[in-house]
Amino acid sequence: MVKIVPKKRVLSVLIRFKRNDMYMKAKRFGLSHPIVVACSQELDTLLNRYQGITNKVINV
């Protein structure tokens, strides 16, 4: 049986992993390194998607 997980929960987990990934890269390369900046932008995208879902739920 396949269990369907809500989008918000999946995004929450992805955000947690991406944030941790960014911290590790920042420790290794420094905050302004292109790898860290790219990771930060990916995290921003995930956070914006999460916020969009949250806003839709609140505005309904």
N, C-alpha and C. Protein backbone atom coordinates (compact mmCIF):
# COMPACT_ATOMS: atom_id res chain seq x y z
N MET A 1 0.84 -1.19 0.00
CA MET A 1 0.00 0.00 0.00
C MET A 1 0.88 1.25 0.00
N VAL A 2 0.56 2.19 -0.86
CA VAL A 2 1.32 3.43 -0.97
C VAL A 2 0.66 4.48 -0.09
N LYS A 3 1.48 5.12 0.74
CA LYS A 3 0.96 6.16 1.62
C LYS A 3 1.22 7.52 0.98
N ILE A 4 0.21 8.34 0.89
CA ILE A 4 0.34 9.67 0.31
C ILE A 4 0.71 10.65 1.42
N VAL A 5 1.83 11.33 1.22
CA VAL A 5 2.31 12.29 2.20
C VAL A 5 1.97 13.69 1.70
N PRO A 6 1.41 14.54 2.56
CA PRO A 6 1.06 15.90 2.14
C PRO A 6 2.28 16.69 1.66
N LYS A 7 2.05 17.54 0.64
CA LYS A 7 3.12 18.34 0.05
C LYS A 7 3.86 19.17 1.10
N LYS A 8 3.11 19.75 2.01
CA LYS A 8 3.70 20.62 3.03
C LYS A 8 4.72 19.84 3.87
N ARG A 9 4.39 18.62 4.21
CA ARG A 9 5.30 17.81 5.03
C ARG A 9 6.55 17.43 4.24
N VAL A 10 6.38 17.09 2.97
CA VAL A 10 7.52 16.75 2.12
C VAL A 10 8.45 17.96 1.99
N LEU A 11 7.87 19.12 1.74
CA LEU A 11 8.67 20.34 1.62
C LEU A 11 9.39 20.64 2.93
N SER A 12 8.74 20.41 4.04
CA SER A 12 9.36 20.65 5.34
C SER A 12 10.63 19.81 5.52
N VAL A 13 10.55 18.56 5.11
CA VAL A 13 11.71 17.67 5.20
C VAL A 13 12.81 18.12 4.24
N LEU A 14 12.42 18.46 3.01
CA LEU A 14 13.40 18.93 2.03
C LEU A 14 14.09 20.20 2.51
N ILE A 15 13.34 21.10 3.12
CA ILE A 15 13.91 22.34 3.66
C ILE A 15 14.92 22.03 4.74
N ARG A 16 14.57 21.12 5.62
CA ARG A 16 15.49 20.76 6.71
C ARG A 16 16.81 20.21 6.15
N PHE A 17 16.72 19.31 5.17
CA PHE A 17 17.93 18.74 4.58
C PHE A 17 18.74 19.78 3.82
N LYS A 18 18.06 20.63 3.06
CA LYS A 18 18.77 21.66 2.27
C LYS A 18 19.44 22.66 3.19
N ARG A 19 18.78 23.03 4.30
CA ARG A 19 19.36 23.97 5.25
C ARG A 19 20.63 23.37 5.89
N ASN A 20 20.55 22.12 6.26
CA ASN A 20 21.70 21.44 6.84
C ASN A 20 22.84 21.35 5.82
N ASP A 21 22.50 21.04 4.59
CA ASP A 21 23.49 20.98 3.51
C ASP A 21 24.18 22.33 3.34
N MET A 22 23.40 23.39 3.37
CA MET A 22 23.96 24.73 3.21
C MET A 22 24.90 25.08 4.36
N TYR A 23 24.52 24.75 5.57
CA TYR A 23 25.39 25.02 6.72
C TYR A 23 26.73 24.29 6.58
N MET A 24 26.67 23.04 6.17
CA MET A 24 27.90 22.26 6.02
C MET A 24 28.80 22.85 4.93
N LYS A 25 28.19 23.24 3.83
CA LYS A 25 28.96 23.85 2.73
C LYS A 25 29.54 25.19 3.15
N ALA A 26 28.76 25.96 3.91
CA ALA A 26 29.24 27.26 4.38
C ALA A 26 30.44 27.11 5.32
N LYS A 27 30.39 26.10 6.17
CA LYS A 27 31.52 25.85 7.07
C LYS A 27 32.77 25.48 6.28
N ARG A 28 32.57 24.72 5.22
CA ARG A 28 33.71 24.24 4.44
C ARG A 28 34.26 25.31 3.48
N PHE A 29 33.36 26.03 2.78
CA PHE A 29 33.80 26.93 1.72
C PHE A 29 33.72 28.41 2.06
N GLY A 30 32.93 28.76 3.07
CA GLY A 30 32.71 30.17 3.38
C GLY A 30 31.38 30.62 2.81
N LEU A 31 30.81 31.66 3.40
CA LEU A 31 29.47 32.09 3.05
C LEU A 31 29.31 32.62 1.63
N SER A 32 30.36 33.21 1.07
CA SER A 32 30.22 33.84 -0.24
C SER A 32 30.65 32.95 -1.40
N HIS A 33 31.00 31.71 -1.13
CA HIS A 33 31.41 30.79 -2.19
C HIS A 33 30.21 30.49 -3.10
N PRO A 34 30.43 30.41 -4.42
CA PRO A 34 29.32 30.15 -5.36
C PRO A 34 28.51 28.88 -5.04
N ILE A 35 29.15 27.86 -4.52
CA ILE A 35 28.43 26.63 -4.17
C ILE A 35 27.44 26.90 -3.04
N VAL A 36 27.85 27.69 -2.07
CA VAL A 36 26.99 28.02 -0.94
C VAL A 36 25.86 28.95 -1.40
N VAL A 37 26.17 29.90 -2.25
CA VAL A 37 25.16 30.83 -2.76
C VAL A 37 24.10 30.05 -3.55
N ALA A 38 24.53 29.12 -4.39
CA ALA A 38 23.59 28.31 -5.16
C ALA A 38 22.70 27.48 -4.25
N CYS A 39 23.29 26.91 -3.21
CA CYS A 39 22.53 26.12 -2.24
C CYS A 39 21.51 27.01 -1.52
N SER A 40 21.92 28.22 -1.19
CA SER A 40 21.03 29.17 -0.53
C SER A 40 19.85 29.53 -1.43
N GLN A 41 20.10 29.68 -2.72
CA GLN A 41 19.03 29.98 -3.66
C GLN A 41 18.06 28.81 -3.79
N GLU A 42 18.58 27.61 -3.75
CA GLU A 42 17.72 26.43 -3.79
C GLU A 42 16.84 26.37 -2.53
N LEU A 43 17.45 26.70 -1.39
CA LEU A 43 16.69 26.75 -0.14
C LEU A 43 15.61 27.82 -0.21
N ASP A 44 15.94 28.98 -0.77
CA ASP A 44 14.95 30.06 -0.93
C ASP A 44 13.75 29.58 -1.76
N THR A 45 14.03 28.84 -2.82
CA THR A 45 12.96 28.32 -3.67
C THR A 45 12.04 27.39 -2.89
N LEU A 46 12.64 26.50 -2.11
CA LEU A 46 11.85 25.58 -1.28
C LEU A 46 11.02 26.34 -0.26
N LEU A 47 11.63 27.34 0.38
CA LEU A 47 10.91 28.13 1.38
C LEU A 47 9.76 28.91 0.75
N ASN A 48 9.97 29.44 -0.45
CA ASN A 48 8.90 30.17 -1.14
C ASN A 48 7.74 29.24 -1.50
N ARG A 49 8.06 28.03 -1.94
CA ARG A 49 7.00 27.06 -2.25
C ARG A 49 6.22 26.70 -0.98
N TYR A 50 6.94 26.49 0.12
CA TYR A 50 6.30 26.16 1.39
C TYR A 50 5.39 27.32 1.84
N GLN A 51 5.91 28.53 1.73
CA GLN A 51 5.14 29.71 2.12
C GLN A 51 3.89 29.86 1.26
N GLY A 52 4.02 29.55 -0.03
CA GLY A 52 2.87 29.60 -0.93
C GLY A 52 1.78 28.65 -0.53
N ILE A 53 2.16 27.44 -0.13
CA ILE A 53 1.18 26.45 0.33
C ILE A 53 0.53 26.92 1.62
N THR A 54 1.33 27.45 2.53
CA THR A 54 0.81 27.92 3.82
C THR A 54 -0.16 29.08 3.61
N ASN A 55 0.19 30.02 2.72
CA ASN A 55 -0.70 31.14 2.46
C ASN A 55 -2.03 30.70 1.86
N LYS A 56 -1.99 29.70 0.97
CA LYS A 56 -3.22 29.21 0.37
C LYS A 56 -4.15 28.61 1.43
N VAL A 57 -3.56 27.92 2.40
CA VAL A 57 -4.35 27.29 3.46
C VAL A 57 -4.96 28.38 4.35
N ILE A 58 -4.20 29.41 4.66
CA ILE A 58 -4.68 30.48 5.54
C ILE A 58 -5.75 31.30 4.86
N ASN A 59 -5.60 31.56 3.55
CA ASN A 59 -6.53 32.42 2.83
C ASN A 59 -7.81 31.73 2.40
N VAL A 60 -7.92 30.44 2.61
CA VAL A 60 -9.13 29.71 2.18
C VAL A 60 -10.25 29.90 3.15
